[in-house]
Amino acid sequence: MKAPGAEFVLLTGFLGSGKTTLLRHFLSRPEAADTAVIVNEVGEIGLDGVILRETGSDTPIAMLSNGCICCQASNDLAAIIDTLLAMERPNASVPLRRIVLETSGLSKPGPVLRQLATLAERRLRVAVVATFDAVRGTQVGAYEEAVAQWAAAHRIVVTKADAVSGDRLKAAKAEVEALNPLSEIVATADREYAVTGAFSPLPRITPLIEPPRIANGAAHPRVSVCLARPTGALAYADLAAWLDNIAGALGERLLRLKGLVRVTDCEQPLLVQSVGTVFSAARPFDLREASASPFLVIIARDLRVAELEAVSPRGSFAIS
């Protein structure tokens, strides 16, 4: 089996939430060796790239300054990644271990990830890391880009934690848990720990033995977190059709989907996940806990349970 490729970290977060500061601190650490950075700027002046170069490291930094990357239909991103992975590194003994793409504060992760489809042979280990401003909290949730960033994240880092009280930091963590119960949360006033935690490798497959705790009352009124429990095993074709129907019915309102589903075509349950309407290939999951029951968590904007029930195979899911 071909070995996994480099880590690809999509660093996202709303305007002013501390992405560049977080990345700058990381690049000054020894853990950042063998890392390359791609910076996506909306304007013509690449200010974030200039700030990152102040670290004094020899980190390769590439600029995408021709507009918000999630709005582009070109393959510029894939071309830059290919170039970075293929470039000669005379002073390095190993290939690049990590590429970090810092998106603009107005980028949605889903369309960005879609551009990576042409790089399947690279076997990149993709992770979405989002920043959550402890000072502003969910105030920026009025912007759909911010909500999409939080919901898509595999890991959410609470930034500016040293600028708020301990109670506010706890409240910010609770807000993140309500917005995205699927994400790993880094929430600490210890900056060194936060920086290390933000960029530490994520497991290739996150264990999903039990469904995450879903908070009563969403942290944002337009974000819904629903739990769908299969009432029995489905044929894979029925599962695939249902996922297509969800994506078709919700469109851009679908922010994240993840869980385990048993199908009649496979002894092991399948791990199913998406960021927006971009679905990863379903894969068998080694479920050692025989008592664990399959489930799907669906995060979407302005979602009503009735919408999911309307496109579900009759009697196949209990949705709450």
C-alpha atoms as a PDB file:
ATOM      1  CA  MET A   1       0.000   0.000   0.000  1.00  0.00           C
ATOM      2  CA  LYS A   2       1.280   3.428  -0.919  1.00  0.00           C
ATOM      3  CA  ALA A   3       2.358   5.479   2.110  1.00  0.00           C
ATOM      4  CA  PRO A   4       0.255   8.517   3.102  1.00  0.00           C
ATOM      5  CA  GLY A   5       1.437  11.820   1.703  1.00  0.00           C
ATOM      6  CA  ALA A   6       2.142  15.127   3.361  1.00  0.00           C
ATOM      7  CA  GLU A   7      -0.231  16.755   5.810  1.00  0.00           C
ATOM      8  CA  PHE A   8      -2.382  19.458   4.257  1.00  0.00           C
ATOM      9  CA  VAL A   9      -3.783  21.859   6.841  1.00  0.00           C
ATOM     10  CA  LEU A  10      -6.527  24.191   5.693  1.00  0.00           C
ATOM     11  CA  LEU A  11      -6.287  27.003   8.247  1.00  0.00           C
ATOM     12  CA  THR A  12      -9.514  28.952   8.159  1.00  0.00           C
ATOM     13  CA  GLY A  13     -11.330  31.461  10.332  1.00  0.00           C
ATOM     14  CA  PHE A  14     -13.190  34.729  10.020  1.00  0.00           C
ATOM     15  CA  LEU A  15     -11.586  38.118   9.456  1.00  0.00           C
ATOM     16  CA  GLY A  16      -9.531  39.213  12.456  1.00  0.00           C
ATOM     17  CA  SER A  17      -9.888  35.947  14.358  1.00  0.00           C
ATOM     18  CA  GLY A  18      -6.139  35.402  14.749  1.00  0.00           C
ATOM     19  CA  LYS A  19      -5.199  32.954  11.975  1.00  0.00           C
ATOM     20  CA  THR A  20      -2.000  34.724  10.950  1.00  0.00           C
ATOM     21  CA  THR A  21      -0.864  35.221  14.547  1.00  0.00           C
ATOM     22  CA  LEU A  22      -1.453  31.545  15.311  1.00  0.00           C
ATOM     23  CA  LEU A  23       0.454  30.445  12.216  1.00  0.00           C
ATOM     24  CA  ARG A  24       3.282  32.888  12.856  1.00  0.00           C
ATOM     25  CA  HIS A  25       3.825  31.475  16.354  1.00  0.00           C
ATOM     26  CA  PHE A  26       3.820  27.950  14.950  1.00  0.00           C
ATOM     27  CA  LEU A  27       6.395  28.749  12.258  1.00  0.00           C
ATOM     28  CA  SER A  28       8.812  29.985  14.922  1.00  0.00           C
ATOM     29  CA  ARG A  29       8.800  26.565  16.603  1.00  0.00           C
ATOM     30  CA  PRO A  30      10.990  23.543  15.778  1.00  0.00           C
ATOM     31  CA  GLU A  31       7.842  21.482  15.067  1.00  0.00           C
ATOM     32  CA  ALA A  32       7.310  23.638  11.980  1.00  0.00           C
ATOM     33  CA  ALA A  33      10.392  22.249  10.234  1.00  0.00           C
ATOM     34  CA  ASP A  34       9.654  20.879   6.768  1.00  0.00           C
ATOM     35  CA  THR A  35       6.496  23.005   6.485  1.00  0.00           C
ATOM     36  CA  ALA A  36       5.437  25.118   3.504  1.00  0.00           C
ATOM     37  CA  VAL A  37       2.771  27.826   3.602  1.00  0.00           C
ATOM     38  CA  ILE A  38       0.279  29.047   1.014  1.00  0.00           C
ATOM     39  CA  VAL A  39      -1.387  32.369   1.804  1.00  0.00           C
ATOM     40  CA  ASN A  40      -4.624  33.357   0.084  1.00  0.00           C
ATOM     41  CA  GLU A  41      -5.205  37.111   0.073  1.00  0.00           C
ATOM     42  CA  VAL A  42      -8.311  38.757  -1.339  1.00  0.00           C
ATOM     43  CA  GLY A  43      -6.579  42.065  -2.000  1.00  0.00           C
ATOM     44  CA  GLU A  44      -3.577  42.788  -4.191  1.00  0.00           C
ATOM     45  CA  ILE A  45      -1.206  43.399  -1.272  1.00  0.00           C
ATOM     46  CA  GLY A  46      -0.062  40.172   0.410  1.00  0.00           C
ATOM     47  CA  LEU A  47       0.198  41.578   3.922  1.00  0.00           C
ATOM     48  CA  ASP A  48      -0.203  38.247   5.720  1.00  0.00           C
ATOM     49  CA  GLY A  49       2.661  36.789   3.707  1.00  0.00           C
ATOM     50  CA  VAL A  50       4.874  39.703   4.739  1.00  0.00           C
ATOM     51  CA  ILE A  51       3.968  39.184   8.395  1.00  0.00           C
ATOM     52  CA  LEU A  52       4.727  35.471   8.216  1.00  0.00           C
ATOM     53  CA  ARG A  53       8.146  36.120   6.651  1.00  0.00           C
ATOM     54  CA  GLU A  54       9.040  38.150   9.743  1.00  0.00           C
ATOM     55  CA  THR A  55       9.511  34.871  11.615  1.00  0.00           C
ATOM     56  CA  GLY A  56      12.920  34.667   9.962  1.00  0.00           C
ATOM     57  CA  SER A  57      12.508  30.981   9.145  1.00  0.00           C
ATOM     58  CA  ASP A  58      13.287  29.490   5.744  1.00  0.00           C
ATOM     59  CA  THR A  59       9.695  28.301   5.335  1.00  0.00           C
ATOM     60  CA  PRO A  60       8.638  28.321   1.659  1.00  0.00           C
ATOM     61  CA  ILE A  61       5.708  30.752   1.333  1.00  0.00           C
ATOM     62  CA  ALA A  62       3.567  30.856  -1.808  1.00  0.00           C
ATOM     63  CA  MET A  63       0.950  33.539  -2.463  1.00  0.00           C
ATOM     64  CA  LEU A  64      -2.498  33.224  -4.012  1.00  0.00           C
ATOM     65  CA  SER A  65      -3.440  36.883  -4.391  1.00  0.00           C
ATOM     66  CA  ASN A  66      -5.907  36.795  -7.263  1.00  0.00           C
ATOM     67  CA  GLY A  67      -9.055  36.667  -5.182  1.00  0.00           C
ATOM     68  CA  CYS A  68     -10.748  34.502  -2.566  1.00  0.00           C
ATOM     69  CA  ILE A  69      -9.748  30.940  -3.393  1.00  0.00           C
ATOM     70  CA  CYS A  70     -13.183  29.485  -2.658  1.00  0.00           C
ATOM     71  CA  CYS A  71     -14.613  31.640  -5.458  1.00  0.00           C
ATOM     72  CA  GLN A  72     -12.087  30.572  -8.090  1.00  0.00           C
ATOM     73  CA  ALA A  73     -12.752  27.926 -10.695  1.00  0.00           C
ATOM     74  CA  SER A  74      -9.069  27.515 -11.642  1.00  0.00           C
ATOM     75  CA  ASN A  75      -6.558  24.888 -10.598  1.00  0.00           C
ATOM     76  CA  ASP A  76      -4.096  27.435  -9.179  1.00  0.00           C
ATOM     77  CA  LEU A  77      -4.119  25.790  -5.749  1.00  0.00           C
ATOM     78  CA  ALA A  78      -3.442  22.300  -7.082  1.00  0.00           C
ATOM     79  CA  ALA A  79      -0.618  23.640  -9.250  1.00  0.00           C
ATOM     80  CA  ILE A  80       1.034  25.405  -6.314  1.00  0.00           C
ATOM     81  CA  ILE A  81       0.776  22.300  -4.118  1.00  0.00           C
ATOM     82  CA  ASP A  82       2.329  20.194  -6.872  1.00  0.00           C
ATOM     83  CA  THR A  83       5.145  22.720  -7.229  1.00  0.00           C
ATOM     84  CA  LEU A  84       5.857  22.813  -3.494  1.00  0.00           C
ATOM     85  CA  LEU A  85       5.940  19.028  -3.207  1.00  0.00           C
ATOM     86  CA  ALA A  86       8.226  18.668  -6.227  1.00  0.00           C
ATOM     87  CA  MET A  87      10.681  21.483  -5.491  1.00  0.00           C
ATOM     88  CA  GLU A  88      14.280  20.747  -4.627  1.00  0.00           C
ATOM     89  CA  ARG A  89      15.270  21.323  -0.996  1.00  0.00           C
ATOM     90  CA  PRO A  90      19.087  21.210  -0.904  1.00  0.00           C
ATOM     91  CA  ASN A  91      19.314  21.814   2.846  1.00  0.00           C
ATOM     92  CA  ALA A  92      16.629  19.313   3.821  1.00  0.00           C
ATOM     93  CA  SER A  93      17.062  15.582   4.301  1.00  0.00           C
ATOM     94  CA  VAL A  94      13.348  14.729   4.108  1.00  0.00           C
ATOM     95  CA  PRO A  95      10.430  15.788   1.863  1.00  0.00           C
ATOM     96  CA  LEU A  96       7.936  18.383   3.008  1.00  0.00           C
ATOM     97  CA  ARG A  97       5.895  16.987   5.865  1.00  0.00           C
ATOM     98  CA  ARG A  98       3.226  19.644   5.917  1.00  0.00           C
ATOM     99  CA  ILE A  99       1.607  22.328   3.780  1.00  0.00           C
ATOM    100  CA  VAL A 100      -0.544  24.955   5.497  1.00  0.00           C
ATOM    101  CA  LEU A 101      -3.010  26.954   3.423  1.00  0.00           C
ATOM    102  CA  GLU A 102      -4.111  30.080   5.262  1.00  0.00           C
ATOM    103  CA  THR A 103      -7.350  31.123   3.591  1.00  0.00           C
ATOM    104  CA  SER A 104      -8.831  34.575   3.506  1.00  0.00           C
ATOM    105  CA  GLY A 105     -11.320  35.322   6.257  1.00  0.00           C
ATOM    106  CA  LEU A 106     -14.163  35.136   3.724  1.00  0.00           C
ATOM    107  CA  SER A 107     -13.374  31.668   2.316  1.00  0.00           C
ATOM    108  CA  LYS A 108     -15.644  28.671   2.783  1.00  0.00           C
ATOM    109  CA  PRO A 109     -13.743  25.388   3.246  1.00  0.00           C
ATOM    110  CA  GLY A 110     -15.943  23.192   1.046  1.00  0.00           C
ATOM    111  CA  PRO A 111     -15.103  24.753  -2.334  1.00  0.00           C
ATOM    112  CA  VAL A 112     -11.409  24.895  -1.386  1.00  0.00           C
ATOM    113  CA  LEU A 113     -11.322  21.177  -0.591  1.00  0.00           C
ATOM    114  CA  ARG A 114     -13.055  20.449  -3.882  1.00  0.00           C
ATOM    115  CA  GLN A 115     -10.013  21.848  -5.688  1.00  0.00           C
ATOM    116  CA  LEU A 116      -7.852  19.108  -4.148  1.00  0.00           C
ATOM    117  CA  ALA A 117      -9.650  16.395  -6.114  1.00  0.00           C
ATOM    118  CA  THR A 118      -7.029  16.476  -8.865  1.00  0.00           C
ATOM    119  CA  LEU A 119      -4.318  15.660  -6.310  1.00  0.00           C
ATOM    120  CA  ALA A 120      -5.723  12.283  -5.263  1.00  0.00           C
ATOM    121  CA  GLU A 121      -2.478  10.522  -6.206  1.00  0.00           C
ATOM    122  CA  ARG A 122      -0.612  12.662  -3.678  1.00  0.00           C
ATOM    123  CA  ARG A 123      -2.604  11.013  -0.849  1.00  0.00           C
ATOM    124  CA  LEU A 124      -2.592  14.217   1.192  1.00  0.00           C
ATOM    125  CA  ARG A 125      -3.749  13.906   4.789  1.00  0.00           C
ATOM    126  CA  VAL A 126      -6.223  16.779   4.866  1.00  0.00           C
ATOM    127  CA  ALA A 127      -7.345  18.543   8.043  1.00  0.00           C
ATOM    128  CA  VAL A 128      -9.442  21.688   8.468  1.00  0.00           C
ATOM    129  CA  VAL A 129      -8.397  23.849  11.421  1.00  0.00           C
ATOM    130  CA  ALA A 130     -10.578  26.862  12.235  1.00  0.00           C
ATOM    131  CA  THR A 131     -10.084  29.759  14.617  1.00  0.00           C
ATOM    132  CA  PHE A 132     -12.792  30.975  16.998  1.00  0.00           C
ATOM    133  CA  ASP A 133     -12.303  34.445  18.472  1.00  0.00           C
ATOM    134  CA  ALA A 134     -12.970  34.221  22.228  1.00  0.00           C
ATOM    135  CA  VAL A 135     -13.605  37.966  22.398  1.00  0.00           C
ATOM    136  CA  ARG A 136     -16.245  38.180  19.668  1.00  0.00           C
ATOM    137  CA  GLY A 137     -17.568  34.637  20.024  1.00  0.00           C
ATOM    138  CA  THR A 138     -20.595  33.919  17.865  1.00  0.00           C
ATOM    139  CA  GLN A 139     -21.166  37.591  17.018  1.00  0.00           C
ATOM    140  CA  VAL A 140     -19.583  37.016  13.606  1.00  0.00           C
ATOM    141  CA  GLY A 141     -21.969  34.103  13.070  1.00  0.00           C
ATOM    142  CA  ALA A 142     -24.198  36.555  11.208  1.00  0.00           C
ATOM    143  CA  TYR A 143     -21.820  35.935   8.306  1.00  0.00           C
ATOM    144  CA  GLU A 144     -22.450  32.574   6.677  1.00  0.00           C
ATOM    145  CA  GLU A 145     -18.739  32.245   5.878  1.00  0.00           C
ATOM    146  CA  ALA A 146     -17.878  32.158   9.595  1.00  0.00           C
ATOM    147  CA  VAL A 147     -20.474  29.496  10.318  1.00  0.00           C
ATOM    148  CA  ALA A 148     -19.278  27.387   7.383  1.00  0.00           C
ATOM    149  CA  GLN A 149     -15.693  27.613   8.660  1.00  0.00           C
ATOM    150  CA  TRP A 150     -16.573  26.446  12.177  1.00  0.00           C
ATOM    151  CA  ALA A 151     -18.860  23.655  11.011  1.00  0.00           C
ATOM    152  CA  ALA A 152     -16.317  22.273   8.536  1.00  0.00           C
ATOM    153  CA  ALA A 153     -13.460  22.114  11.020  1.00  0.00           C
ATOM    154  CA  HIS A 154     -11.909  18.918  12.299  1.00  0.00           C
ATOM    155  CA  ARG A 155     -10.266  21.054  14.981  1.00  0.00           C
ATOM    156  CA  ILE A 156     -11.294  24.467  16.328  1.00  0.00           C
ATOM    157  CA  VAL A 157      -8.777  26.655  18.158  1.00  0.00           C
ATOM    158  CA  VAL A 158     -10.166  29.281  20.518  1.00  0.00           C
ATOM    159  CA  THR A 159      -7.950  32.319  19.922  1.00  0.00           C
ATOM    160  CA  LYS A 160      -7.333  35.442  22.051  1.00  0.00           C
ATOM    161  CA  ALA A 161      -7.898  33.227  25.097  1.00  0.00           C
ATOM    162  CA  ASP A 162      -5.408  35.283  27.099  1.00  0.00           C
ATOM    163  CA  ALA A 163      -7.544  38.385  26.539  1.00  0.00           C
ATOM    164  CA  VAL A 164     -10.675  37.064  28.279  1.00  0.00           C
ATOM    165  CA  SER A 165     -11.602  35.803  31.722  1.00  0.00           C
ATOM    166  CA  GLY A 166     -11.629  32.140  32.647  1.00  0.00           C
ATOM    167  CA  ASP A 167     -15.433  32.150  32.666  1.00  0.00           C
ATOM    168  CA  ARG A 168     -15.562  33.663  29.188  1.00  0.00           C
ATOM    169  CA  LEU A 169     -13.093  31.060  27.920  1.00  0.00           C
ATOM    170  CA  LYS A 170     -15.329  28.285  29.272  1.00  0.00           C
ATOM    171  CA  ALA A 171     -18.338  29.936  27.629  1.00  0.00           C
ATOM    172  CA  ALA A 172     -16.492  30.165  24.309  1.00  0.00           C
ATOM    173  CA  LYS A 173     -15.676  26.459  24.467  1.00  0.00           C
ATOM    174  CA  ALA A 174     -19.358  25.688  25.126  1.00  0.00           C
ATOM    175  CA  GLU A 175     -20.328  27.801  22.103  1.00  0.00           C
ATOM    176  CA  VAL A 176     -17.930  25.829  19.916  1.00  0.00           C
ATOM    177  CA  GLU A 177     -19.270  22.501  21.226  1.00  0.00           C
ATOM    178  CA  ALA A 178     -22.804  23.564  20.327  1.00  0.00           C
ATOM    179  CA  LEU A 179     -21.817  24.764  16.845  1.00  0.00           C
ATOM    180  CA  ASN A 180     -19.757  21.698  15.936  1.00  0.00           C
ATOM    181  CA  PRO A 181     -19.845  18.715  18.303  1.00  0.00           C
ATOM    182  CA  LEU A 182     -17.745  16.754  15.796  1.00  0.00           C
ATOM    183  CA  SER A 183     -14.650  18.919  16.159  1.00  0.00           C
ATOM    184  CA  GLU A 184     -11.687  18.609  18.476  1.00  0.00           C
ATOM    185  CA  ILE A 185     -11.433  21.799  20.551  1.00  0.00           C
ATOM    186  CA  VAL A 186      -8.265  23.563  21.654  1.00  0.00           C
ATOM    187  CA  ALA A 187      -9.252  26.121  24.300  1.00  0.00           C
ATOM    188  CA  THR A 188      -6.519  27.225  26.670  1.00  0.00           C
ATOM    189  CA  ALA A 189      -4.893  30.448  27.811  1.00  0.00           C
ATOM    190  CA  ASP A 190      -1.502  28.701  27.524  1.00  0.00           C
ATOM    191  CA  ARG A 191      -0.327  30.019  24.159  1.00  0.00           C
ATOM    192  CA  GLU A 192       2.429  27.452  23.707  1.00  0.00           C
ATOM    193  CA  TYR A 193       0.011  24.587  24.300  1.00  0.00           C
ATOM    194  CA  ALA A 194      -2.574  26.156  21.994  1.00  0.00           C
ATOM    195  CA  VAL A 195      -0.080  26.588  19.145  1.00  0.00           C
ATOM    196  CA  THR A 196       1.210  23.036  19.491  1.00  0.00           C
ATOM    197  CA  GLY A 197      -2.327  21.654  19.728  1.00  0.00           C
ATOM    198  CA  ALA A 198      -3.504  23.609  16.705  1.00  0.00           C
ATOM    199  CA  PHE A 199      -1.061  21.949  14.312  1.00  0.00           C
ATOM    200  CA  SER A 200      -0.512  18.525  15.847  1.00  0.00           C
ATOM    201  CA  PRO A 201      -1.422  15.673  13.471  1.00  0.00           C
ATOM    202  CA  LEU A 202      -5.042  14.568  13.463  1.00  0.00           C
ATOM    203  CA  PRO A 203      -5.856  10.842  13.474  1.00  0.00           C
ATOM    204  CA  ARG A 204      -6.503   9.552   9.951  1.00  0.00           C
ATOM    205  CA  ILE A 205      -9.873   8.257  11.123  1.00  0.00           C
ATOM    206  CA  THR A 206     -11.360   9.871  14.194  1.00  0.00           C
ATOM    207  CA  PRO A 207     -12.909   7.255  16.512  1.00  0.00           C
ATOM    208  CA  LEU A 208     -16.691   7.419  16.508  1.00  0.00           C
ATOM    209  CA  ILE A 209     -17.810   4.808  18.993  1.00  0.00           C
ATOM    210  CA  GLU A 210     -20.635   6.908  20.399  1.00  0.00           C
ATOM    211  CA  PRO A 211     -22.388   9.976  18.979  1.00  0.00           C
ATOM    212  CA  PRO A 212     -21.101  13.292  20.350  1.00  0.00           C
ATOM    213  CA  ARG A 213     -23.040  15.193  22.948  1.00  0.00           C
ATOM    214  CA  ILE A 214     -25.386  17.621  21.236  1.00  0.00           C
ATOM    215  CA  ALA A 215     -26.019  20.696  23.340  1.00  0.00           C
ATOM    216  CA  ASN A 216     -29.572  21.779  24.036  1.00  0.00           C
ATOM    217  CA  GLY A 217     -30.075  24.992  22.122  1.00  0.00           C
ATOM    218  CA  ALA A 218     -27.611  25.884  19.404  1.00  0.00           C
ATOM    219  CA  ALA A 219     -25.017  28.576  19.988  1.00  0.00           C
ATOM    220  CA  HIS A 220     -26.271  30.214  16.808  1.00  0.00           C
ATOM    221  CA  PRO A 221     -30.001  30.384  15.994  1.00  0.00           C
ATOM    222  CA  ARG A 222     -29.517  29.503  12.312  1.00  0.00           C
ATOM    223  CA  VAL A 223     -27.293  26.468  12.900  1.00  0.00           C
ATOM    224  CA  SER A 224     -28.976  23.132  13.536  1.00  0.00           C
ATOM    225  CA  VAL A 225     -27.295  19.935  14.701  1.00  0.00           C
ATOM    226  CA  CYS A 226     -29.376  16.841  14.026  1.00  0.00           C
ATOM    227  CA  LEU A 227     -28.784  13.219  14.977  1.00  0.00           C
ATOM    228  CA  ALA A 228     -29.996  10.502  12.616  1.00  0.00           C
ATOM    229  CA  ARG A 229     -30.009   6.925  13.928  1.00  0.00           C
ATOM    230  CA  PRO A 230     -30.510   4.124  11.397  1.00  0.00           C
ATOM    231  CA  THR A 231     -33.249   1.720  12.435  1.00  0.00           C
ATOM    232  CA  GLY A 232     -31.529  -1.134  10.588  1.00  0.00           C
ATOM    233  CA  ALA A 233     -28.955  -1.971   7.950  1.00  0.00           C
ATOM    234  CA  LEU A 234     -29.377  -0.342   4.548  1.00  0.00           C
ATOM    235  CA  ALA A 235     -28.281  -1.435   1.127  1.00  0.00           C
ATOM    236  CA  TYR A 236     -25.297   0.682   0.128  1.00  0.00           C
ATOM    237  CA  ALA A 237     -27.193   1.999  -2.901  1.00  0.00           C
ATOM    238  CA  ASP A 238     -29.965   3.292  -0.603  1.00  0.00           C
ATOM    239  CA  LEU A 239     -27.423   4.999   1.664  1.00  0.00           C
ATOM    240  CA  ALA A 240     -25.676   6.624  -1.295  1.00  0.00           C
ATOM    241  CA  ALA A 241     -29.002   7.810  -2.701  1.00  0.00           C
ATOM    242  CA  TRP A 242     -29.989   9.277   0.681  1.00  0.00           C
ATOM    243  CA  LEU A 243     -26.717  11.196   1.000  1.00  0.00           C
ATOM    244  CA  ASP A 244     -27.178  12.523  -2.545  1.00  0.00           C
ATOM    245  CA  ASN A 245     -30.719  13.569  -1.652  1.00  0.00           C
ATOM    246  CA  ILE A 246     -29.524  15.400   1.475  1.00  0.00           C
ATOM    247  CA  ALA A 247     -26.872  17.254  -0.517  1.00  0.00           C
ATOM    248  CA  GLY A 248     -29.390  18.087  -3.223  1.00  0.00           C
ATOM    249  CA  ALA A 249     -32.080  19.243  -0.810  1.00  0.00           C
ATOM    250  CA  LEU A 250     -29.831  21.356   1.417  1.00  0.00           C
ATOM    251  CA  GLY A 251     -27.201  22.547  -1.059  1.00  0.00           C
ATOM    252  CA  GLU A 252     -24.946  25.184   0.484  1.00  0.00           C
ATOM    253  CA  ARG A 253     -26.884  24.954   3.752  1.00  0.00           C
ATOM    254  CA  LEU A 254     -25.236  21.577   4.427  1.00  0.00           C
ATOM    255  CA  LEU A 255     -22.148  22.382   6.480  1.00  0.00           C
ATOM    256  CA  ARG A 256     -20.916  19.046   7.841  1.00  0.00           C
ATOM    257  CA  LEU A 257     -22.005  15.420   8.040  1.00  0.00           C
ATOM    258  CA  LYS A 258     -20.266  12.567   9.799  1.00  0.00           C
ATOM    259  CA  GLY A 259     -21.050   9.220  11.347  1.00  0.00           C
ATOM    260  CA  LEU A 260     -21.237   5.443  11.062  1.00  0.00           C
ATOM    261  CA  VAL A 261     -23.859   3.497   9.105  1.00  0.00           C
ATOM    262  CA  ARG A 262     -24.255  -0.257   8.722  1.00  0.00           C
ATOM    263  CA  VAL A 263     -24.947  -1.526   5.225  1.00  0.00           C
ATOM    264  CA  THR A 264     -25.995  -4.969   4.087  1.00  0.00           C
ATOM    265  CA  ASP A 265     -23.086  -5.072   1.624  1.00  0.00           C
ATOM    266  CA  CYS A 266     -20.328  -4.922   4.265  1.00  0.00           C
ATOM    267  CA  GLU A 267     -19.669  -6.647   7.600  1.00  0.00           C
ATOM    268  CA  GLN A 268     -18.222  -3.477   9.134  1.00  0.00           C
ATOM    269  CA  PRO A 269     -20.067  -0.169   9.436  1.00  0.00           C
ATOM    270  CA  LEU A 270     -19.049   2.573   7.023  1.00  0.00           C
ATOM    271  CA  LEU A 271     -17.522   5.862   8.099  1.00  0.00           C
ATOM    272  CA  VAL A 272     -19.358   8.584   6.167  1.00  0.00           C
ATOM    273  CA  GLN A 273     -18.354  12.232   6.211  1.00  0.00           C
ATOM    274  CA  SER A 274     -18.584  15.452   4.252  1.00  0.00           C
ATOM    275  CA  VAL A 275     -17.507  19.065   4.444  1.00  0.00           C
ATOM    276  CA  GLY A 276     -20.306  20.984   2.822  1.00  0.00           C
ATOM    277  CA  THR A 277     -21.430  18.879  -0.123  1.00  0.00           C
ATOM    278  CA  VAL A 278     -17.922  17.458  -0.646  1.00  0.00           C
ATOM    279  CA  PHE A 279     -18.116  13.821   0.487  1.00  0.00           C
ATOM    280  CA  SER A 280     -15.104  11.667   1.308  1.00  0.00           C
ATOM    281  CA  ALA A 281     -15.241   8.113   0.018  1.00  0.00           C
ATOM    282  CA  ALA A 282     -17.113   5.931   2.519  1.00  0.00           C
ATOM    283  CA  ARG A 283     -14.751   3.435   4.157  1.00  0.00           C
ATOM    284  CA  PRO A 284     -15.194   0.419   6.449  1.00  0.00           C
ATOM    285  CA  PHE A 285     -14.593   1.230  10.103  1.00  0.00           C
ATOM    286  CA  ASP A 286     -13.210  -1.322  12.548  1.00  0.00           C
ATOM    287  CA  LEU A 287     -15.864  -1.043  15.238  1.00  0.00           C
ATOM    288  CA  ARG A 288     -14.628  -3.040  18.235  1.00  0.00           C
ATOM    289  CA  GLU A 289     -17.435  -1.923  20.507  1.00  0.00           C
ATOM    290  CA  ALA A 290     -20.194  -4.341  19.544  1.00  0.00           C
ATOM    291  CA  SER A 291     -22.747  -2.459  21.638  1.00  0.00           C
ATOM    292  CA  ALA A 292     -22.203   0.853  19.862  1.00  0.00           C
ATOM    293  CA  SER A 293     -25.049   1.880  17.595  1.00  0.00           C
ATOM    294  CA  PRO A 294     -24.537   3.577  14.200  1.00  0.00           C
ATOM    295  CA  PHE A 295     -25.461   7.235  13.784  1.00  0.00           C
ATOM    296  CA  LEU A 296     -25.035  10.291  11.593  1.00  0.00           C
ATOM    297  CA  VAL A 297     -24.592  13.870  12.793  1.00  0.00           C
ATOM    298  CA  ILE A 298     -25.777  16.521  10.345  1.00  0.00           C
ATOM    299  CA  ILE A 299     -24.900  20.206  10.764  1.00  0.00           C
ATOM    300  CA  ALA A 300     -26.722  22.669   8.527  1.00  0.00           C
ATOM    301  CA  ARG A 301     -28.125  26.169   8.387  1.00  0.00           C
ATOM    302  CA  ASP A 302     -31.849  26.782   8.761  1.00  0.00           C
ATOM    303  CA  LEU A 303     -32.547  23.050   8.918  1.00  0.00           C
ATOM    304  CA  ARG A 304     -35.845  21.473   9.898  1.00  0.00           C
ATOM    305  CA  VAL A 305     -36.043  17.810  10.875  1.00  0.00           C
ATOM    306  CA  ALA A 306     -38.935  17.432   8.445  1.00  0.00           C
ATOM    307  CA  GLU A 307     -36.588  18.219   5.555  1.00  0.00           C
ATOM    308  CA  LEU A 308     -34.378  15.248   6.419  1.00  0.00           C
ATOM    309  CA  GLU A 309     -37.360  13.003   6.992  1.00  0.00           C
ATOM    310  CA  ALA A 310     -38.761  13.945   3.586  1.00  0.00           C
ATOM    311  CA  VAL A 311     -35.697  12.635   1.731  1.00  0.00           C
ATOM    312  CA  SER A 312     -34.959   9.644   4.000  1.00  0.00           C
ATOM    313  CA  PRO A 313     -35.760   6.055   2.957  1.00  0.00           C
ATOM    314  CA  ARG A 314     -39.106   5.278   4.584  1.00  0.00           C
ATOM    315  CA  GLY A 315     -38.653   4.005   8.131  1.00  0.00           C
ATOM    316  CA  SER A 316     -34.873   3.771   7.846  1.00  0.00           C
ATOM    317  CA  PHE A 317     -33.817   6.611  10.193  1.00  0.00           C
ATOM    318  CA  ALA A 318     -34.995   8.120  13.459  1.00  0.00           C
ATOM    319  CA  ILE A 319     -34.083  11.797  13.281  1.00  0.00           C
ATOM    320  CA  SER A 320     -33.954  14.256  16.151  1.00  0.00           C
END
